[in-house]
Amino acid sequence: MARTFESLVVWQKARSLNKRIELELDKIPASKTDYDLNRQIKRASNSVMSNIAEGSSRGTKADYVRFIDMASGSSSEIRSHLYVYLDYEILEPSVVKELQAKSTEINKMLTGLKKTLKNAK
């Protein structure tokens, strides 16, 4: 567990997704903007990378795993929010699909990290 969170590919991907979400939300016309929904998805997106970082700095594997679980939950929350953007035609379906795929990939990586942590001696 000596690696920094910045060296974790899953954190790098979470950071990239966070930025991509911000950029896509900035493109939404004011007439279609739901500021509460935007704040929710931004918080969830930031939470993924923040929980990975915080967990990696905790003193125990159990704490690290708990924060990875929270990051995974936030990643799922992103996917759920994206359905609202899709259903109300706020974002293009291709953008929603891309962002959901990135979130799903992050979830899979978090599952792998969690397994690695649980199996580490």
PDB file of N, CA and C in Angstrom:
ATOM      1  N   MET A   1       0.812  -1.192   0.000  1.00  0.00           N
ATOM      2  CA  MET A   1       0.000   0.000   0.000  1.00  0.00           C
ATOM      3  C   MET A   1       0.860   1.264   0.000  1.00  0.00           C
ATOM      4  N   ALA A   2       2.097   1.164  -0.418  1.00  0.00           N
ATOM      5  CA  ALA A   2       3.007   2.302  -0.371  1.00  0.00           C
ATOM      6  C   ALA A   2       2.821   3.255  -1.555  1.00  0.00           C
ATOM      7  N   ARG A   3       2.068   2.846  -2.564  1.00  0.00           N
ATOM      8  CA  ARG A   3       1.868   3.695  -3.736  1.00  0.00           C
ATOM      9  C   ARG A   3       1.013   4.901  -3.376  1.00  0.00           C
ATOM     10  N   THR A   4       1.234   5.992  -4.090  1.00  0.00           N
ATOM     11  CA  THR A   4       0.392   7.165  -3.890  1.00  0.00           C
ATOM     12  C   THR A   4      -0.902   6.992  -4.670  1.00  0.00           C
ATOM     13  N   PHE A   5      -1.938   7.691  -4.234  1.00  0.00           N
ATOM     14  CA  PHE A   5      -3.214   7.571  -4.946  1.00  0.00           C
ATOM     15  C   PHE A   5      -3.092   8.080  -6.373  1.00  0.00           C
ATOM     16  N   GLU A   6      -2.214   9.054  -6.610  1.00  0.00           N
ATOM     17  CA  GLU A   6      -2.033   9.578  -7.963  1.00  0.00           C
ATOM     18  C   GLU A   6      -1.484   8.530  -8.935  1.00  0.00           C
ATOM     19  N   SER A   7      -0.823   7.527  -8.405  1.00  0.00           N
ATOM     20  CA  SER A   7      -0.265   6.483  -9.270  1.00  0.00           C
ATOM     21  C   SER A   7      -1.282   5.393  -9.604  1.00  0.00           C
ATOM     22  N   LEU A   8      -2.422   5.415  -8.952  1.00  0.00           N
ATOM     23  CA  LEU A   8      -3.453   4.412  -9.211  1.00  0.00           C
ATOM     24  C   LEU A   8      -4.205   4.753 -10.496  1.00  0.00           C
ATOM     25  N   VAL A   9      -4.232   3.820 -11.429  1.00  0.00           N
ATOM     26  CA  VAL A   9      -4.921   4.043 -12.704  1.00  0.00           C
ATOM     27  C   VAL A   9      -6.403   4.324 -12.470  1.00  0.00           C
ATOM     28  N   VAL A  10      -7.008   3.676 -11.490  1.00  0.00           N
ATOM     29  CA  VAL A  10      -8.425   3.902 -11.220  1.00  0.00           C
ATOM     30  C   VAL A  10      -8.663   5.347 -10.762  1.00  0.00           C
ATOM     31  N   TRP A  11      -7.757   5.907  -9.971  1.00  0.00           N
ATOM     32  CA  TRP A  11      -7.902   7.308  -9.558  1.00  0.00           C
ATOM     33  C   TRP A  11      -7.737   8.225 -10.768  1.00  0.00           C
ATOM     34  N   GLN A  12      -6.768   7.908 -11.631  1.00  0.00           N
ATOM     35  CA  GLN A  12      -6.551   8.712 -12.838  1.00  0.00           C
ATOM     36  C   GLN A  12      -7.793   8.703 -13.722  1.00  0.00           C
ATOM     37  N   LYS A  13      -8.416   7.541 -13.860  1.00  0.00           N
ATOM     38  CA  LYS A  13      -9.639   7.443 -14.671  1.00  0.00           C
ATOM     39  C   LYS A  13     -10.796   8.194 -14.006  1.00  0.00           C
ATOM     40  N   ALA A  14     -10.880   8.132 -12.690  1.00  0.00           N
ATOM     41  CA  ALA A  14     -11.918   8.869 -11.963  1.00  0.00           C
ATOM     42  C   ALA A  14     -11.706  10.376 -12.139  1.00  0.00           C
ATOM     43  N   ARG A  15     -10.484  10.798 -12.104  1.00  0.00           N
ATOM     44  CA  ARG A  15     -10.168  12.220 -12.320  1.00  0.00           C
ATOM     45  C   ARG A  15     -10.570  12.644 -13.730  1.00  0.00           C
ATOM     46  N   SER A  16     -10.261  11.814 -14.694  1.00  0.00           N
ATOM     47  CA  SER A  16     -10.609  12.103 -16.087  1.00  0.00           C
ATOM     48  C   SER A  16     -12.132  12.165 -16.263  1.00  0.00           C
ATOM     49  N   LEU A  17     -12.856  11.230 -15.649  1.00  0.00           N
ATOM     50  CA  LEU A  17     -14.312  11.238 -15.732  1.00  0.00           C
ATOM     51  C   LEU A  17     -14.874  12.500 -15.076  1.00  0.00           C
ATOM     52  N   ASN A  18     -14.319  12.878 -13.956  1.00  0.00           N
ATOM     53  CA  ASN A  18     -14.755  14.083 -13.257  1.00  0.00           C
ATOM     54  C   ASN A  18     -14.642  15.304 -14.180  1.00  0.00           C
ATOM     55  N   LYS A  19     -13.523  15.428 -14.841  1.00  0.00           N
ATOM     56  CA  LYS A  19     -13.312  16.558 -15.747  1.00  0.00           C
ATOM     57  C   LYS A  19     -14.272  16.485 -16.938  1.00  0.00           C
ATOM     58  N   ARG A  20     -14.451  15.298 -17.468  1.00  0.00           N
ATOM     59  CA  ARG A  20     -15.333  15.119 -18.640  1.00  0.00           C
ATOM     60  C   ARG A  20     -16.772  15.489 -18.304  1.00  0.00           C
ATOM     61  N   ILE A  21     -17.216  15.108 -17.113  1.00  0.00           N
ATOM     62  CA  ILE A  21     -18.567  15.463 -16.673  1.00  0.00           C
ATOM     63  C   ILE A  21     -18.688  16.981 -16.575  1.00  0.00           C
ATOM     64  N   GLU A  22     -17.717  17.620 -15.970  1.00  0.00           N
ATOM     65  CA  GLU A  22     -17.730  19.090 -15.862  1.00  0.00           C
ATOM     66  C   GLU A  22     -17.827  19.728 -17.245  1.00  0.00           C
ATOM     67  N   LEU A  23     -17.027  19.246 -18.176  1.00  0.00           N
ATOM     68  CA  LEU A  23     -17.025  19.830 -19.524  1.00  0.00           C
ATOM     69  C   LEU A  23     -18.366  19.637 -20.219  1.00  0.00           C
ATOM     70  N   GLU A  24     -18.980  18.468 -20.065  1.00  0.00           N
ATOM     71  CA  GLU A  24     -20.275  18.211 -20.688  1.00  0.00           C
ATOM     72  C   GLU A  24     -21.375  19.068 -20.060  1.00  0.00           C
ATOM     73  N   LEU A  25     -21.337  19.227 -18.759  1.00  0.00           N
ATOM     74  CA  LEU A  25     -22.356  20.040 -18.093  1.00  0.00           C
ATOM     75  C   LEU A  25     -22.245  21.506 -18.497  1.00  0.00           C
ATOM     76  N   ASP A  26     -21.026  21.958 -18.754  1.00  0.00           N
ATOM     77  CA  ASP A  26     -20.824  23.343 -19.189  1.00  0.00           C
ATOM     78  C   ASP A  26     -21.450  23.616 -20.552  1.00  0.00           C
ATOM     79  N   LYS A  27     -21.652  22.574 -21.343  1.00  0.00           N
ATOM     80  CA  LYS A  27     -22.224  22.730 -22.691  1.00  0.00           C
ATOM     81  C   LYS A  27     -23.753  22.809 -22.683  1.00  0.00           C
ATOM     82  N   ILE A  28     -24.377  22.474 -21.580  1.00  0.00           N
ATOM     83  CA  ILE A  28     -25.841  22.440 -21.522  1.00  0.00           C
ATOM     84  C   ILE A  28     -26.374  23.873 -21.544  1.00  0.00           C
ATOM     85  N   PRO A  29     -27.298  24.155 -22.439  1.00  0.00           N
ATOM     86  CA  PRO A  29     -27.888  25.500 -22.485  1.00  0.00           C
ATOM     87  C   PRO A  29     -28.599  25.823 -21.164  1.00  0.00           C
ATOM     88  N   ALA A  30     -28.571  27.078 -20.792  1.00  0.00           N
ATOM     89  CA  ALA A  30     -29.187  27.503 -19.528  1.00  0.00           C
ATOM     90  C   ALA A  30     -30.648  27.085 -19.439  1.00  0.00           C
ATOM     91  N   SER A  31     -31.347  27.085 -20.561  1.00  0.00           N
ATOM     92  CA  SER A  31     -32.771  26.735 -20.565  1.00  0.00           C
ATOM     93  C   SER A  31     -33.015  25.265 -20.209  1.00  0.00           C
ATOM     94  N   LYS A  32     -32.002  24.423 -20.346  1.00  0.00           N
ATOM     95  CA  LYS A  32     -32.150  22.993 -20.054  1.00  0.00           C
ATOM     96  C   LYS A  32     -31.379  22.583 -18.789  1.00  0.00           C
ATOM     97  N   THR A  33     -30.734  23.552 -18.159  1.00  0.00           N
ATOM     98  CA  THR A  33     -29.884  23.225 -17.016  1.00  0.00           C
ATOM     99  C   THR A  33     -30.709  22.998 -15.758  1.00  0.00           C
ATOM    100  N   ASP A  34     -30.436  21.902 -15.093  1.00  0.00           N
ATOM    101  CA  ASP A  34     -31.013  21.604 -13.787  1.00  0.00           C
ATOM    102  C   ASP A  34     -29.857  21.714 -12.795  1.00  0.00           C
ATOM    103  N   TYR A  35     -29.785  22.853 -12.124  1.00  0.00           N
ATOM    104  CA  TYR A  35     -28.633  23.138 -11.272  1.00  0.00           C
ATOM    105  C   TYR A  35     -28.505  22.161 -10.110  1.00  0.00           C
ATOM    106  N   ASP A  36     -29.638  21.720  -9.551  1.00  0.00           N
ATOM    107  CA  ASP A  36     -29.567  20.745  -8.461  1.00  0.00           C
ATOM    108  C   ASP A  36     -29.005  19.417  -8.941  1.00  0.00           C
ATOM    109  N   LEU A  37     -29.463  18.961 -10.089  1.00  0.00           N
ATOM    110  CA  LEU A  37     -28.959  17.710 -10.650  1.00  0.00           C
ATOM    111  C   LEU A  37     -27.474  17.853 -10.990  1.00  0.00           C
ATOM    112  N   ASN A  38     -27.111  18.988 -11.556  1.00  0.00           N
ATOM    113  CA  ASN A  38     -25.700  19.216 -11.871  1.00  0.00           C
ATOM    114  C   ASN A  38     -24.840  19.147 -10.615  1.00  0.00           C
ATOM    115  N   ARG A  39     -25.303  19.780  -9.542  1.00  0.00           N
ATOM    116  CA  ARG A  39     -24.528  19.747  -8.291  1.00  0.00           C
ATOM    117  C   ARG A  39     -24.409  18.312  -7.774  1.00  0.00           C
ATOM    118  N   GLN A  40     -25.492  17.538  -7.878  1.00  0.00           N
ATOM    119  CA  GLN A  40     -25.466  16.154  -7.385  1.00  0.00           C
ATOM    120  C   GLN A  40     -24.465  15.303  -8.155  1.00  0.00           C
ATOM    121  N   ILE A  41     -24.484  15.398  -9.478  1.00  0.00           N
ATOM    122  CA  ILE A  41     -23.575  14.550 -10.251  1.00  0.00           C
ATOM    123  C   ILE A  41     -22.130  15.019 -10.085  1.00  0.00           C
ATOM    124  N   LYS A  42     -21.935  16.324  -9.940  1.00  0.00           N
ATOM    125  CA  LYS A  42     -20.576  16.832  -9.703  1.00  0.00           C
ATOM    126  C   LYS A  42     -20.048  16.336  -8.361  1.00  0.00           C
ATOM    127  N   ARG A  43     -20.890  16.360  -7.336  1.00  0.00           N
ATOM    128  CA  ARG A  43     -20.458  15.869  -6.022  1.00  0.00           C
ATOM    129  C   ARG A  43     -20.137  14.378  -6.080  1.00  0.00           C
ATOM    130  N   ALA A  44     -20.982  13.619  -6.762  1.00  0.00           N
ATOM    131  CA  ALA A  44     -20.738  12.178  -6.877  1.00  0.00           C
ATOM    132  C   ALA A  44     -19.439  11.911  -7.629  1.00  0.00           C
ATOM    133  N   SER A  45     -19.229  12.661  -8.695  1.00  0.00           N
ATOM    134  CA  SER A  45     -18.017  12.483  -9.495  1.00  0.00           C
ATOM    135  C   SER A  45     -16.768  12.817  -8.689  1.00  0.00           C
ATOM    136  N   ASN A  46     -16.832  13.899  -7.966  1.00  0.00           N
ATOM    137  CA  ASN A  46     -15.689  14.282  -7.133  1.00  0.00           C
ATOM    138  C   ASN A  46     -15.481  13.280  -6.009  1.00  0.00           C
ATOM    139  N   SER A  47     -16.572  12.726  -5.512  1.00  0.00           N
ATOM    140  CA  SER A  47     -16.507  11.764  -4.418  1.00  0.00           C
ATOM    141  C   SER A  47     -15.750  10.495  -4.805  1.00  0.00           C
ATOM    142  N   VAL A  48     -15.880  10.067  -6.049  1.00  0.00           N
ATOM    143  CA  VAL A  48     -15.182   8.851  -6.485  1.00  0.00           C
ATOM    144  C   VAL A  48     -13.682   9.035  -6.297  1.00  0.00           C
ATOM    145  N   MET A  49     -13.140  10.082  -6.893  1.00  0.00           N
ATOM    146  CA  MET A  49     -11.686  10.267  -6.804  1.00  0.00           C
ATOM    147  C   MET A  49     -11.243  10.616  -5.386  1.00  0.00           C
ATOM    148  N   SER A  50     -12.074  11.372  -4.663  1.00  0.00           N
ATOM    149  CA  SER A  50     -11.708  11.762  -3.295  1.00  0.00           C
ATOM    150  C   SER A  50     -11.691  10.565  -2.355  1.00  0.00           C
ATOM    151  N   ASN A  51     -12.662   9.665  -2.492  1.00  0.00           N
ATOM    152  CA  ASN A  51     -12.682   8.487  -1.625  1.00  0.00           C
ATOM    153  C   ASN A  51     -11.538   7.536  -1.922  1.00  0.00           C
ATOM    154  N   ILE A  52     -11.159   7.428  -3.181  1.00  0.00           N
ATOM    155  CA  ILE A  52      -9.982   6.603  -3.518  1.00  0.00           C
ATOM    156  C   ILE A  52      -8.754   7.194  -2.832  1.00  0.00           C
ATOM    157  N   ALA A  53      -8.606   8.504  -2.943  1.00  0.00           N
ATOM    158  CA  ALA A  53      -7.449   9.182  -2.342  1.00  0.00           C
ATOM    159  C   ALA A  53      -7.457   9.035  -0.825  1.00  0.00           C
ATOM    160  N   GLU A  54      -8.596   9.309  -0.215  1.00  0.00           N
ATOM    161  CA  GLU A  54      -8.663   9.237   1.241  1.00  0.00           C
ATOM    162  C   GLU A  54      -8.437   7.824   1.741  1.00  0.00           C
ATOM    163  N   GLY A  55      -9.046   6.856   1.073  1.00  0.00           N
ATOM    164  CA  GLY A  55      -8.868   5.471   1.497  1.00  0.00           C
ATOM    165  C   GLY A  55      -7.428   5.011   1.429  1.00  0.00           C
ATOM    166  N   SER A  56      -6.723   5.472   0.397  1.00  0.00           N
ATOM    167  CA  SER A  56      -5.324   5.046   0.245  1.00  0.00           C
ATOM    168  C   SER A  56      -4.432   5.595   1.351  1.00  0.00           C
ATOM    169  N   SER A  57      -4.903   6.629   2.023  1.00  0.00           N
ATOM    170  CA  SER A  57      -4.107   7.246   3.085  1.00  0.00           C
ATOM    171  C   SER A  57      -4.498   6.751   4.472  1.00  0.00           C
ATOM    172  N   ARG A  58      -5.471   5.901   4.548  1.00  0.00           N
ATOM    173  CA  ARG A  58      -5.901   5.366   5.838  1.00  0.00           C
ATOM    174  C   ARG A  58      -4.916   4.337   6.340  1.00  0.00           C
ATOM    175  N   GLY A  59      -4.934   4.122   7.634  1.00  0.00           N
ATOM    176  CA  GLY A  59      -3.948   3.249   8.256  1.00  0.00           C
ATOM    177  C   GLY A  59      -4.208   1.769   8.138  1.00  0.00           C
ATOM    178  N   THR A  60      -5.437   1.390   7.827  1.00  0.00           N
ATOM    179  CA  THR A  60      -5.735  -0.039   7.779  1.00  0.00           C
ATOM    180  C   THR A  60      -6.364  -0.424   6.448  1.00  0.00           C
ATOM    181  N   LYS A  61      -6.225  -1.702   6.118  1.00  0.00           N
ATOM    182  CA  LYS A  61      -6.868  -2.228   4.907  1.00  0.00           C
ATOM    183  C   LYS A  61      -8.380  -2.106   5.007  1.00  0.00           C
ATOM    184  N   ALA A  62      -8.901  -2.345   6.194  1.00  0.00           N
ATOM    185  CA  ALA A  62     -10.353  -2.282   6.372  1.00  0.00           C
ATOM    186  C   ALA A  62     -10.878  -0.880   6.050  1.00  0.00           C
ATOM    187  N   ASP A  63     -10.166   0.143   6.496  1.00  0.00           N
ATOM    188  CA  ASP A  63     -10.561   1.520   6.177  1.00  0.00           C
ATOM    189  C   ASP A  63     -10.465   1.773   4.674  1.00  0.00           C
ATOM    190  N   TYR A  64      -9.383   1.321   4.082  1.00  0.00           N
ATOM    191  CA  TYR A  64      -9.180   1.505   2.642  1.00  0.00           C
ATOM    192  C   TYR A  64     -10.338   0.867   1.868  1.00  0.00           C
ATOM    193  N   VAL A  65     -10.685  -0.361   2.235  1.00  0.00           N
ATOM    194  CA  VAL A  65     -11.781  -1.074   1.565  1.00  0.00           C
ATOM    195  C   VAL A  65     -13.090  -0.311   1.739  1.00  0.00           C
ATOM    196  N   ARG A  66     -13.324   0.234   2.925  1.00  0.00           N
ATOM    197  CA  ARG A  66     -14.561   0.981   3.189  1.00  0.00           C
ATOM    198  C   ARG A  66     -14.649   2.201   2.266  1.00  0.00           C
ATOM    199  N   PHE A  67     -13.530   2.899   2.077  1.00  0.00           N
ATOM    200  CA  PHE A  67     -13.535   4.066   1.199  1.00  0.00           C
ATOM    201  C   PHE A  67     -13.659   3.665  -0.277  1.00  0.00           C
ATOM    202  N   ILE A  68     -13.118   2.518  -0.633  1.00  0.00           N
ATOM    203  CA  ILE A  68     -13.292   2.006  -1.998  1.00  0.00           C
ATOM    204  C   ILE A  68     -14.770   1.686  -2.228  1.00  0.00           C
ATOM    205  N   ASP A  69     -15.431   1.126  -1.219  1.00  0.00           N
ATOM    206  CA  ASP A  69     -16.870   0.867  -1.319  1.00  0.00           C
ATOM    207  C   ASP A  69     -17.642   2.171  -1.535  1.00  0.00           C
ATOM    208  N   MET A  70     -17.259   3.218  -0.821  1.00  0.00           N
ATOM    209  CA  MET A  70     -17.941   4.507  -0.989  1.00  0.00           C
ATOM    210  C   MET A  70     -17.698   5.075  -2.392  1.00  0.00           C
ATOM    211  N   ALA A  71     -16.475   4.920  -2.889  1.00  0.00           N
ATOM    212  CA  ALA A  71     -16.161   5.387  -4.248  1.00  0.00           C
ATOM    213  C   ALA A  71     -17.004   4.630  -5.266  1.00  0.00           C
ATOM    214  N   SER A  72     -17.150   3.339  -5.059  1.00  0.00           N
ATOM    215  CA  SER A  72     -17.961   2.520  -5.959  1.00  0.00           C
ATOM    216  C   SER A  72     -19.423   2.956  -5.929  1.00  0.00           C
ATOM    217  N   GLY A  73     -19.928   3.250  -4.748  1.00  0.00           N
ATOM    218  CA  GLY A  73     -21.299   3.725  -4.627  1.00  0.00           C
ATOM    219  C   GLY A  73     -21.505   5.042  -5.352  1.00  0.00           C
ATOM    220  N   SER A  74     -20.539   5.933  -5.247  1.00  0.00           N
ATOM    221  CA  SER A  74     -20.631   7.221  -5.939  1.00  0.00           C
ATOM    222  C   SER A  74     -20.557   7.042  -7.445  1.00  0.00           C
ATOM    223  N   SER A  75     -19.771   6.078  -7.888  1.00  0.00           N
ATOM    224  CA  SER A  75     -19.681   5.800  -9.314  1.00  0.00           C
ATOM    225  C   SER A  75     -21.027   5.283  -9.843  1.00  0.00           C
ATOM    226  N   SER A  76     -21.686   4.450  -9.061  1.00  0.00           N
ATOM    227  CA  SER A  76     -23.020   3.976  -9.447  1.00  0.00           C
ATOM    228  C   SER A  76     -24.020   5.130  -9.438  1.00  0.00           C
ATOM    229  N   GLU A  77     -23.882   6.032  -8.492  1.00  0.00           N
ATOM    230  CA  GLU A  77     -24.748   7.207  -8.431  1.00  0.00           C
ATOM    231  C   GLU A  77     -24.611   8.046  -9.708  1.00  0.00           C
ATOM    232  N   ILE A  78     -23.400   8.187 -10.210  1.00  0.00           N
ATOM    233  CA  ILE A  78     -23.173   8.918 -11.460  1.00  0.00           C
ATOM    234  C   ILE A  78     -23.987   8.287 -12.581  1.00  0.00           C
ATOM    235  N   ARG A  79     -23.889   6.955 -12.709  1.00  0.00           N
ATOM    236  CA  ARG A  79     -24.617   6.264 -13.771  1.00  0.00           C
ATOM    237  C   ARG A  79     -26.118   6.498 -13.645  1.00  0.00           C
ATOM    238  N   SER A  80     -26.625   6.475 -12.424  1.00  0.00           N
ATOM    239  CA  SER A  80     -28.047   6.708 -12.205  1.00  0.00           C
ATOM    240  C   SER A  80     -28.447   8.124 -12.608  1.00  0.00           C
ATOM    241  N   HIS A  81     -27.670   9.119 -12.208  1.00  0.00           N
ATOM    242  CA  HIS A  81     -27.962  10.514 -12.576  1.00  0.00           C
ATOM    243  C   HIS A  81     -27.951  10.680 -14.094  1.00  0.00           C
ATOM    244  N   LEU A  82     -27.066   9.978 -14.744  1.00  0.00           N
ATOM    245  CA  LEU A  82     -26.972  10.109 -16.201  1.00  0.00           C
ATOM    246  C   LEU A  82     -28.255   9.662 -16.895  1.00  0.00           C
ATOM    247  N   TYR A  83     -28.993   8.733 -16.301  1.00  0.00           N
ATOM    248  CA  TYR A  83     -30.279   8.344 -16.878  1.00  0.00           C
ATOM    249  C   TYR A  83     -31.264   9.515 -16.877  1.00  0.00           C
ATOM    250  N   VAL A  84     -31.182  10.361 -15.869  1.00  0.00           N
ATOM    251  CA  VAL A  84     -32.052  11.537 -15.834  1.00  0.00           C
ATOM    252  C   VAL A  84     -31.691  12.472 -16.990  1.00  0.00           C
ATOM    253  N   TYR A  85     -30.394  12.670 -17.197  1.00  0.00           N
ATOM    254  CA  TYR A  85     -29.956  13.511 -18.320  1.00  0.00           C
ATOM    255  C   TYR A  85     -30.427  12.916 -19.655  1.00  0.00           C
ATOM    256  N   LEU A  86     -30.443  11.602 -19.729  1.00  0.00           N
ATOM    257  CA  LEU A  86     -30.903  10.921 -20.940  1.00  0.00           C
ATOM    258  C   LEU A  86     -32.424  11.033 -21.085  1.00  0.00           C
ATOM    259  N   ASP A  87     -33.143  10.713 -20.027  1.00  0.00           N
ATOM    260  CA  ASP A  87     -34.603  10.696 -20.078  1.00  0.00           C
ATOM    261  C   ASP A  87     -35.205  12.061 -20.396  1.00  0.00           C
ATOM    262  N   TYR A  88     -34.564  13.100 -19.917  1.00  0.00           N
ATOM    263  CA  TYR A  88     -35.078  14.454 -20.162  1.00  0.00           C
ATOM    264  C   TYR A  88     -34.366  15.152 -21.316  1.00  0.00           C
ATOM    265  N   GLU A  89     -33.605  14.357 -22.069  1.00  0.00           N
ATOM    266  CA  GLU A  89     -32.915  14.846 -23.275  1.00  0.00           C
ATOM    267  C   GLU A  89     -32.066  16.078 -23.004  1.00  0.00           C
ATOM    268  N   ILE A  90     -31.352  16.029 -21.873  1.00  0.00           N
ATOM    269  CA  ILE A  90     -30.456  17.120 -21.495  1.00  0.00           C
ATOM    270  C   ILE A  90     -29.084  16.906 -22.121  1.00  0.00           C
ATOM    271  N   LEU A  91     -28.651  15.657 -22.152  1.00  0.00           N
ATOM    272  CA  LEU A  91     -27.395  15.287 -22.809  1.00  0.00           C
ATOM    273  C   LEU A  91     -27.698  14.328 -23.946  1.00  0.00           C
ATOM    274  N   GLU A  92     -26.847  14.344 -24.945  1.00  0.00           N
ATOM    275  CA  GLU A  92     -26.984  13.441 -26.085  1.00  0.00           C
ATOM    276  C   GLU A  92     -26.826  11.988 -25.614  1.00  0.00           C
ATOM    277  N   PRO A  93     -27.610  11.081 -26.178  1.00  0.00           N
ATOM    278  CA  PRO A  93     -27.493   9.669 -25.797  1.00  0.00           C
ATOM    279  C   PRO A  93     -26.066   9.123 -25.933  1.00  0.00           C
ATOM    280  N   SER A  94     -25.350   9.539 -26.951  1.00  0.00           N
ATOM    281  CA  SER A  94     -23.980   9.039 -27.129  1.00  0.00           C
ATOM    282  C   SER A  94     -23.063   9.505 -25.996  1.00  0.00           C
ATOM    283  N   VAL A  95     -23.292  10.706 -25.495  1.00  0.00           N
ATOM    284  CA  VAL A  95     -22.495  11.232 -24.379  1.00  0.00           C
ATOM    285  C   VAL A  95     -22.833  10.466 -23.108  1.00  0.00           C
ATOM    286  N   VAL A  96     -24.116  10.252 -22.869  1.00  0.00           N
ATOM    287  CA  VAL A  96     -24.541   9.496 -21.691  1.00  0.00           C
ATOM    288  C   VAL A  96     -23.934   8.097 -21.724  1.00  0.00           C
ATOM    289  N   LYS A  97     -24.022   7.439 -22.867  1.00  0.00           N
ATOM    290  CA  LYS A  97     -23.484   6.084 -23.003  1.00  0.00           C
ATOM    291  C   LYS A  97     -21.976   6.066 -22.717  1.00  0.00           C
ATOM    292  N   GLU A  98     -21.261   7.026 -23.260  1.00  0.00           N
ATOM    293  CA  GLU A  98     -19.808   7.109 -23.034  1.00  0.00           C
ATOM    294  C   GLU A  98     -19.483   7.309 -21.557  1.00  0.00           C
ATOM    295  N   LEU A  99     -20.180   8.243 -20.911  1.00  0.00           N
ATOM    296  CA  LEU A  99     -19.906   8.526 -19.502  1.00  0.00           C
ATOM    297  C   LEU A  99     -20.296   7.347 -18.614  1.00  0.00           C
ATOM    298  N   GLN A 100     -21.393   6.689 -18.950  1.00  0.00           N
ATOM    299  CA  GLN A 100     -21.784   5.505 -18.184  1.00  0.00           C
ATOM    300  C   GLN A 100     -20.773   4.379 -18.358  1.00  0.00           C
ATOM    301  N   ALA A 101     -20.245   4.225 -19.556  1.00  0.00           N
ATOM    302  CA  ALA A 101     -19.227   3.193 -19.797  1.00  0.00           C
ATOM    303  C   ALA A 101     -17.974   3.476 -18.978  1.00  0.00           C
ATOM    304  N   LYS A 102     -17.585   4.723 -18.914  1.00  0.00           N
ATOM    305  CA  LYS A 102     -16.402   5.093 -18.118  1.00  0.00           C
ATOM    306  C   LYS A 102     -16.651   4.819 -16.638  1.00  0.00           C
ATOM    307  N   SER A 103     -17.845   5.133 -16.173  1.00  0.00           N
ATOM    308  CA  SER A 103     -18.187   4.880 -14.783  1.00  0.00           C
ATOM    309  C   SER A 103     -18.217   3.381 -14.481  1.00  0.00           C
ATOM    310  N   THR A 104     -18.751   2.607 -15.393  1.00  0.00           N
ATOM    311  CA  THR A 104     -18.782   1.148 -15.230  1.00  0.00           C
ATOM    312  C   THR A 104     -17.360   0.587 -15.175  1.00  0.00           C
ATOM    313  N   GLU A 105     -16.488   1.092 -16.042  1.00  0.00           N
ATOM    314  CA  GLU A 105     -15.089   0.650 -16.027  1.00  0.00           C
ATOM    315  C   GLU A 105     -14.440   0.962 -14.683  1.00  0.00           C
ATOM    316  N   ILE A 106     -14.705   2.140 -14.153  1.00  0.00           N
ATOM    317  CA  ILE A 106     -14.151   2.520 -12.853  1.00  0.00           C
ATOM    318  C   ILE A 106     -14.676   1.583 -11.772  1.00  0.00           C
ATOM    319  N   ASN A 107     -15.967   1.270 -11.812  1.00  0.00           N
ATOM    320  CA  ASN A 107     -16.528   0.338 -10.828  1.00  0.00           C
ATOM    321  C   ASN A 107     -15.840  -1.019 -10.886  1.00  0.00           C
ATOM    322  N   LYS A 108     -15.600  -1.505 -12.083  1.00  0.00           N
ATOM    323  CA  LYS A 108     -14.917  -2.796 -12.223  1.00  0.00           C
ATOM    324  C   LYS A 108     -13.501  -2.723 -11.657  1.00  0.00           C
ATOM    325  N   MET A 109     -12.832  -1.630 -11.905  1.00  0.00           N
ATOM    326  CA  MET A 109     -11.473  -1.461 -11.377  1.00  0.00           C
ATOM    327  C   MET A 109     -11.494  -1.363  -9.850  1.00  0.00           C
ATOM    328  N   LEU A 110     -12.496  -0.683  -9.308  1.00  0.00           N
ATOM    329  CA  LEU A 110     -12.623  -0.585  -7.850  1.00  0.00           C
ATOM    330  C   LEU A 110     -12.875  -1.951  -7.242  1.00  0.00           C
ATOM    331  N   THR A 111     -13.675  -2.778  -7.912  1.00  0.00           N
ATOM    332  CA  THR A 111     -13.920  -4.141  -7.440  1.00  0.00           C
ATOM    333  C   THR A 111     -12.611  -4.928  -7.418  1.00  0.00           C
ATOM    334  N   GLY A 112     -11.812  -4.762  -8.466  1.00  0.00           N
ATOM    335  CA  GLY A 112     -10.519  -5.437  -8.512  1.00  0.00           C
ATOM    336  C   GLY A 112      -9.579  -4.951  -7.417  1.00  0.00           C
ATOM    337  N   LEU A 113      -9.559  -3.640  -7.182  1.00  0.00           N
ATOM    338  CA  LEU A 113      -8.717  -3.082  -6.122  1.00  0.00           C
ATOM    339  C   LEU A 113      -9.155  -3.609  -4.767  1.00  0.00           C
ATOM    340  N   LYS A 114     -10.443  -3.677  -4.559  1.00  0.00           N
ATOM    341  CA  LYS A 114     -10.979  -4.177  -3.296  1.00  0.00           C
ATOM    342  C   LYS A 114     -10.560  -5.633  -3.068  1.00  0.00           C
ATOM    343  N   LYS A 115     -10.653  -6.455  -4.118  1.00  0.00           N
ATOM    344  CA  LYS A 115     -10.231  -7.854  -4.002  1.00  0.00           C
ATOM    345  C   LYS A 115      -8.745  -7.947  -3.682  1.00  0.00           C
ATOM    346  N   THR A 116      -7.951  -7.126  -4.367  1.00  0.00           N
ATOM    347  CA  THR A 116      -6.500  -7.110  -4.113  1.00  0.00           C
ATOM    348  C   THR A 116      -6.212  -6.747  -2.674  1.00  0.00           C
ATOM    349  N   LEU A 117      -6.884  -5.719  -2.176  1.00  0.00           N
ATOM    350  CA  LEU A 117      -6.672  -5.284  -0.804  1.00  0.00           C
ATOM    351  C   LEU A 117      -7.063  -6.374   0.188  1.00  0.00           C
ATOM    352  N   LYS A 118      -8.176  -7.027  -0.045  1.00  0.00           N
ATOM    353  CA  LYS A 118      -8.640  -8.069   0.873  1.00  0.00           C
ATOM    354  C   LYS A 118      -7.707  -9.287   0.873  1.00  0.00           C
ATOM    355  N   ASN A 119      -7.060  -9.547  -0.277  1.00  0.00           N
ATOM    356  CA  ASN A 119      -6.170 -10.700  -0.367  1.00  0.00           C
ATOM    357  C   ASN A 119      -4.722 -10.389   0.036  1.00  0.00           C
ATOM    358  N   ALA A 120      -4.400  -9.101   0.210  1.00  0.00           N
ATOM    359  CA  ALA A 120      -3.038  -8.713   0.587  1.00  0.00           C
ATOM    360  C   ALA A 120      -2.760  -9.109   2.033  1.00  0.00           C
ATOM    361  N   LYS A 121      -1.522  -9.494   2.262  1.00  0.00           N
ATOM    362  CA  LYS A 121      -1.143  -9.905   3.619  1.00  0.00           C
ATOM    363  C   LYS A 121      -0.603  -8.769   4.417  1.00  0.00           C
TER     364      LYS A 121
END
